[in-house]
Amino acid sequence: MARIRVGAVAAVLGLALGIGGAVWATIPGAGASRLGQGHYRIDIAPGVFSTIPDLVVMPIGKAYVSGATVSGLGGGAWRLEYFLVGIDSNALQDDLHRHAVQPLRA
């Protein structure tokens, strides 16, 4: 899912990542990568969001999100990182998941 309104700079970005970090869906203005076992990063280009992005990660398998960070890189660029942990192992693990990113609204 990708919805971008020109002018208002409001966007909803959706990406899907497979096990091992295979990116199954990409959208303009954002890139997703696997940094290590269960550790993922989303980089959002300047101008996609005018406010801090809100990240929702939805694991599809037997995992949960143990933590996430949002960092401003300057010039309107953003970096989001998060970790997936296995329900059975309680250790970092790769798992099929998707996420949605949208501007945080008050």
N, C-alpha and C. Protein backbone atom coordinates (compact mmCIF):
# COMPACT_ATOMS: atom_id res chain seq x y z
N MET A 1 0.84 -1.15 0.00
CA MET A 1 0.00 0.00 0.00
C MET A 1 0.89 1.22 0.00
N ALA A 2 0.63 2.14 -0.86
CA ALA A 2 1.36 3.41 -0.85
C ALA A 2 0.38 4.50 -1.24
N ARG A 3 0.20 5.46 -0.37
CA ARG A 3 -0.72 6.55 -0.66
C ARG A 3 0.00 7.85 -0.34
N ILE A 4 0.21 8.67 -1.33
CA ILE A 4 0.92 9.93 -1.13
C ILE A 4 0.09 11.04 -1.75
N ARG A 5 -0.24 12.06 -0.95
CA ARG A 5 -0.95 13.23 -1.45
C ARG A 5 0.07 14.32 -1.67
N VAL A 6 0.18 14.78 -2.87
CA VAL A 6 1.12 15.84 -3.18
C VAL A 6 0.61 17.14 -2.59
N GLY A 7 1.50 17.93 -2.05
CA GLY A 7 1.14 19.21 -1.47
C GLY A 7 0.99 19.13 0.04
N ALA A 8 0.17 18.22 0.55
CA ALA A 8 -0.03 18.09 1.99
C ALA A 8 1.09 17.28 2.63
N VAL A 9 1.87 16.61 1.82
CA VAL A 9 2.95 15.72 2.28
C VAL A 9 2.44 14.80 3.38
N ALA A 10 1.35 14.12 3.09
CA ALA A 10 0.83 13.08 3.97
C ALA A 10 0.96 11.78 3.22
N ALA A 11 1.50 10.77 3.86
CA ALA A 11 1.72 9.52 3.16
C ALA A 11 1.48 8.35 4.07
N VAL A 12 1.11 7.25 3.48
CA VAL A 12 1.08 5.97 4.17
C VAL A 12 1.92 5.04 3.31
N LEU A 13 2.96 4.49 3.92
CA LEU A 13 3.86 3.61 3.19
C LEU A 13 3.68 2.19 3.69
N GLY A 14 3.63 1.25 2.82
CA GLY A 14 3.54 -0.15 3.23
C GLY A 14 4.58 -0.97 2.50
N LEU A 15 5.29 -1.79 3.25
CA LEU A 15 6.30 -2.67 2.68
C LEU A 15 6.13 -4.06 3.28
N ALA A 16 6.53 -5.07 2.56
CA ALA A 16 6.50 -6.43 3.09
C ALA A 16 7.89 -7.01 3.00
N LEU A 17 8.32 -7.66 4.07
CA LEU A 17 9.63 -8.30 4.09
C LEU A 17 9.47 -9.78 4.38
N GLY A 18 10.23 -10.58 3.66
CA GLY A 18 10.18 -12.01 3.86
C GLY A 18 11.27 -12.47 4.79
N ILE A 19 11.24 -13.74 5.09
CA ILE A 19 12.26 -14.33 5.95
C ILE A 19 13.60 -14.18 5.27
N GLY A 20 14.61 -13.77 6.00
CA GLY A 20 15.94 -13.55 5.45
C GLY A 20 16.12 -12.16 4.88
N GLY A 21 15.10 -11.32 5.00
CA GLY A 21 15.24 -9.94 4.58
C GLY A 21 14.88 -9.66 3.14
N ALA A 22 14.31 -10.64 2.44
CA ALA A 22 13.88 -10.39 1.06
C ALA A 22 12.77 -9.35 1.06
N VAL A 23 12.95 -8.27 0.32
CA VAL A 23 11.93 -7.23 0.24
C VAL A 23 10.97 -7.61 -0.87
N TRP A 24 9.72 -7.83 -0.50
CA TRP A 24 8.72 -8.28 -1.46
C TRP A 24 7.95 -7.13 -2.09
N ALA A 25 7.90 -6.01 -1.45
CA ALA A 25 7.17 -4.86 -2.00
C ALA A 25 7.95 -3.60 -1.65
N THR A 26 8.13 -2.75 -2.62
CA THR A 26 8.83 -1.50 -2.37
C THR A 26 7.97 -0.34 -2.84
N ILE A 27 8.26 0.82 -2.31
CA ILE A 27 7.52 2.01 -2.70
C ILE A 27 8.52 3.14 -2.87
N PRO A 28 8.22 4.12 -3.71
CA PRO A 28 9.13 5.25 -3.89
C PRO A 28 9.28 6.02 -2.58
N GLY A 29 10.49 6.43 -2.27
CA GLY A 29 10.72 7.25 -1.10
C GLY A 29 11.08 6.49 0.15
N ALA A 30 11.11 5.16 0.10
CA ALA A 30 11.47 4.37 1.28
C ALA A 30 12.22 3.13 0.85
N GLY A 31 13.14 2.72 1.70
CA GLY A 31 13.89 1.50 1.45
C GLY A 31 13.96 0.70 2.74
N ALA A 32 13.84 -0.61 2.62
CA ALA A 32 13.90 -1.48 3.79
C ALA A 32 15.08 -2.42 3.64
N SER A 33 15.72 -2.72 4.78
CA SER A 33 16.85 -3.64 4.74
C SER A 33 16.92 -4.44 6.03
N ARG A 34 17.56 -5.58 5.94
CA ARG A 34 17.81 -6.44 7.08
C ARG A 34 19.24 -6.19 7.53
N LEU A 35 19.43 -5.82 8.79
CA LEU A 35 20.76 -5.51 9.31
C LEU A 35 21.40 -6.73 9.97
N GLY A 36 20.61 -7.65 10.40
CA GLY A 36 21.08 -8.86 11.06
C GLY A 36 19.88 -9.69 11.44
N GLN A 37 20.14 -10.80 12.11
CA GLN A 37 19.06 -11.69 12.52
C GLN A 37 18.00 -10.91 13.29
N GLY A 38 16.79 -10.81 12.75
CA GLY A 38 15.68 -10.15 13.41
C GLY A 38 15.79 -8.63 13.55
N HIS A 39 16.76 -8.01 12.90
CA HIS A 39 17.00 -6.56 13.02
C HIS A 39 16.78 -5.92 11.65
N TYR A 40 15.83 -4.98 11.58
CA TYR A 40 15.44 -4.38 10.31
C TYR A 40 15.49 -2.86 10.37
N ARG A 41 15.67 -2.24 9.21
CA ARG A 41 15.74 -0.78 9.11
C ARG A 41 14.91 -0.32 7.92
N ILE A 42 14.22 0.81 8.11
CA ILE A 42 13.50 1.50 7.03
C ILE A 42 14.08 2.90 6.94
N ASP A 43 14.53 3.29 5.77
CA ASP A 43 15.00 4.65 5.52
C ASP A 43 13.97 5.36 4.66
N ILE A 44 13.55 6.54 5.10
CA ILE A 44 12.54 7.31 4.39
C ILE A 44 13.19 8.59 3.87
N ALA A 45 13.04 8.83 2.58
CA ALA A 45 13.67 9.97 1.93
C ALA A 45 13.08 11.30 2.41
N PRO A 46 13.85 12.38 2.28
CA PRO A 46 13.33 13.70 2.65
C PRO A 46 12.08 14.04 1.85
N GLY A 47 11.13 14.71 2.52
CA GLY A 47 9.94 15.20 1.85
C GLY A 47 8.76 14.25 1.83
N VAL A 48 8.96 12.99 2.22
CA VAL A 48 7.83 12.06 2.23
C VAL A 48 6.90 12.38 3.40
N PHE A 49 7.48 12.71 4.57
CA PHE A 49 6.70 13.07 5.74
C PHE A 49 7.09 14.45 6.22
N SER A 50 6.10 15.23 6.63
CA SER A 50 6.38 16.55 7.19
C SER A 50 6.44 16.49 8.72
N THR A 51 6.00 15.38 9.32
CA THR A 51 6.08 15.18 10.76
C THR A 51 6.69 13.81 11.03
N ILE A 52 6.98 13.55 12.29
CA ILE A 52 7.61 12.27 12.67
C ILE A 52 6.74 11.09 12.21
N PRO A 53 7.35 10.06 11.63
CA PRO A 53 6.58 8.90 11.18
C PRO A 53 6.17 8.00 12.35
N ASP A 54 5.02 7.40 12.20
CA ASP A 54 4.50 6.42 13.15
C ASP A 54 4.61 5.05 12.48
N LEU A 55 5.29 4.11 13.14
CA LEU A 55 5.56 2.80 12.56
C LEU A 55 4.69 1.74 13.22
N VAL A 56 4.05 0.91 12.39
CA VAL A 56 3.31 -0.25 12.87
C VAL A 56 3.89 -1.46 12.16
N VAL A 57 4.42 -2.41 12.94
CA VAL A 57 4.98 -3.64 12.38
C VAL A 57 4.04 -4.79 12.73
N MET A 58 3.72 -5.60 11.73
CA MET A 58 2.80 -6.71 11.92
C MET A 58 3.47 -8.03 11.54
N PRO A 59 4.06 -8.74 12.52
CA PRO A 59 4.62 -10.05 12.21
C PRO A 59 3.51 -11.01 11.78
N ILE A 60 3.80 -11.83 10.81
CA ILE A 60 2.80 -12.77 10.30
C ILE A 60 3.04 -14.15 10.89
N GLY A 61 4.26 -14.44 11.29
CA GLY A 61 4.59 -15.73 11.88
C GLY A 61 4.58 -15.69 13.39
N LYS A 62 5.43 -16.52 13.99
CA LYS A 62 5.49 -16.64 15.45
C LYS A 62 6.58 -15.74 16.01
N ALA A 63 6.35 -14.44 15.93
CA ALA A 63 7.31 -13.45 16.42
C ALA A 63 6.57 -12.23 16.94
N TYR A 64 7.27 -11.43 17.72
CA TYR A 64 6.73 -10.17 18.19
C TYR A 64 7.80 -9.10 18.06
N VAL A 65 7.38 -7.84 18.08
CA VAL A 65 8.31 -6.71 17.99
C VAL A 65 8.78 -6.39 19.40
N SER A 66 10.10 -6.46 19.63
CA SER A 66 10.62 -6.22 20.98
C SER A 66 11.05 -4.78 21.19
N GLY A 67 11.21 -4.02 20.13
CA GLY A 67 11.60 -2.62 20.26
C GLY A 67 11.69 -1.95 18.91
N ALA A 68 11.51 -0.64 18.92
CA ALA A 68 11.59 0.13 17.68
C ALA A 68 12.07 1.54 18.01
N THR A 69 12.81 2.13 17.09
CA THR A 69 13.28 3.51 17.24
C THR A 69 12.97 4.29 15.98
N VAL A 70 12.77 5.59 16.15
CA VAL A 70 12.59 6.50 15.03
C VAL A 70 13.60 7.62 15.21
N SER A 71 14.41 7.87 14.18
CA SER A 71 15.44 8.91 14.26
C SER A 71 15.31 9.86 13.08
N GLY A 72 15.39 11.15 13.36
CA GLY A 72 15.45 12.14 12.30
C GLY A 72 16.88 12.26 11.80
N LEU A 73 17.06 12.24 10.49
CA LEU A 73 18.40 12.31 9.90
C LEU A 73 18.71 13.71 9.38
N GLY A 74 17.77 14.64 9.56
CA GLY A 74 17.96 15.99 9.05
C GLY A 74 17.41 16.12 7.64
N GLY A 75 16.98 17.30 7.31
CA GLY A 75 16.47 17.58 5.97
C GLY A 75 15.17 16.86 5.65
N GLY A 76 14.47 16.38 6.67
CA GLY A 76 13.21 15.68 6.44
C GLY A 76 13.33 14.20 6.20
N ALA A 77 14.54 13.65 6.34
CA ALA A 77 14.74 12.20 6.19
C ALA A 77 14.58 11.52 7.55
N TRP A 78 14.14 10.26 7.53
CA TRP A 78 13.88 9.51 8.76
C TRP A 78 14.48 8.11 8.67
N ARG A 79 14.84 7.56 9.82
CA ARG A 79 15.31 6.17 9.90
C ARG A 79 14.54 5.49 11.02
N LEU A 80 13.97 4.33 10.70
CA LEU A 80 13.24 3.53 11.67
C LEU A 80 13.91 2.17 11.77
N GLU A 81 14.15 1.70 12.98
CA GLU A 81 14.72 0.38 13.19
C GLU A 81 13.86 -0.38 14.18
N TYR A 82 13.78 -1.70 13.99
CA TYR A 82 12.99 -2.52 14.89
C TYR A 82 13.56 -3.93 14.93
N PHE A 83 13.14 -4.68 15.97
CA PHE A 83 13.64 -6.02 16.23
C PHE A 83 12.48 -7.00 16.35
N LEU A 84 12.63 -8.17 15.74
CA LEU A 84 11.64 -9.24 15.87
C LEU A 84 12.22 -10.35 16.74
N VAL A 85 11.43 -10.83 17.69
CA VAL A 85 11.84 -11.89 18.61
C VAL A 85 10.87 -13.05 18.48
N GLY A 86 11.41 -14.26 18.46
CA GLY A 86 10.59 -15.45 18.34
C GLY A 86 9.80 -15.72 19.61
N ILE A 87 8.53 -16.07 19.45
CA ILE A 87 7.67 -16.38 20.59
C ILE A 87 8.18 -17.60 21.34
N ASP A 88 8.62 -18.62 20.61
CA ASP A 88 9.07 -19.86 21.25
C ASP A 88 10.49 -19.77 21.79
N SER A 89 11.37 -19.06 21.09
CA SER A 89 12.79 -19.04 21.46
C SER A 89 13.18 -17.85 22.34
N ASN A 90 12.38 -16.79 22.31
CA ASN A 90 12.70 -15.53 23.00
C ASN A 90 14.06 -14.97 22.56
N ALA A 91 14.41 -15.23 21.30
CA ALA A 91 15.66 -14.74 20.71
C ALA A 91 15.32 -14.03 19.40
N LEU A 92 16.23 -13.15 18.96
CA LEU A 92 16.02 -12.48 17.68
C LEU A 92 15.85 -13.51 16.58
N GLN A 93 14.88 -13.28 15.70
CA GLN A 93 14.68 -14.18 14.57
C GLN A 93 14.07 -13.42 13.41
N ASP A 94 14.38 -13.89 12.21
CA ASP A 94 13.74 -13.36 11.01
C ASP A 94 12.36 -13.99 10.90
N ASP A 95 11.42 -13.22 10.41
CA ASP A 95 10.07 -13.72 10.24
C ASP A 95 9.37 -12.88 9.18
N LEU A 96 8.44 -13.48 8.49
CA LEU A 96 7.64 -12.74 7.52
C LEU A 96 6.84 -11.68 8.27
N HIS A 97 6.88 -10.47 7.76
CA HIS A 97 6.14 -9.38 8.40
C HIS A 97 5.87 -8.28 7.40
N ARG A 98 4.96 -7.41 7.76
CA ARG A 98 4.70 -6.22 6.95
C ARG A 98 4.58 -5.06 7.90
N HIS A 99 4.71 -3.89 7.36
CA HIS A 99 4.60 -2.71 8.21
C HIS A 99 3.96 -1.57 7.45
N ALA A 100 3.41 -0.67 8.23
CA ALA A 100 2.82 0.55 7.70
C ALA A 100 3.45 1.72 8.41
N VAL A 101 3.73 2.76 7.67
CA VAL A 101 4.32 3.98 8.23
C VAL A 101 3.45 5.14 7.78
N GLN A 102 3.08 5.98 8.72
CA GLN A 102 2.27 7.16 8.39
C GLN A 102 2.68 8.30 9.29
N PRO A 103 2.33 9.52 8.95
CA PRO A 103 2.69 10.65 9.79
C PRO A 103 2.00 10.56 11.15
N LEU A 104 2.74 10.86 12.20
CA LEU A 104 2.15 10.89 13.54
C LEU A 104 1.30 12.14 13.65
N ARG A 105 0.08 11.98 14.09
CA ARG A 105 -0.84 13.10 14.23
C ARG A 105 -1.22 13.27 15.69
N ALA A 106 -1.38 14.52 16.11
CA ALA A 106 -1.75 14.80 17.50
C ALA A 106 -3.21 14.54 17.73
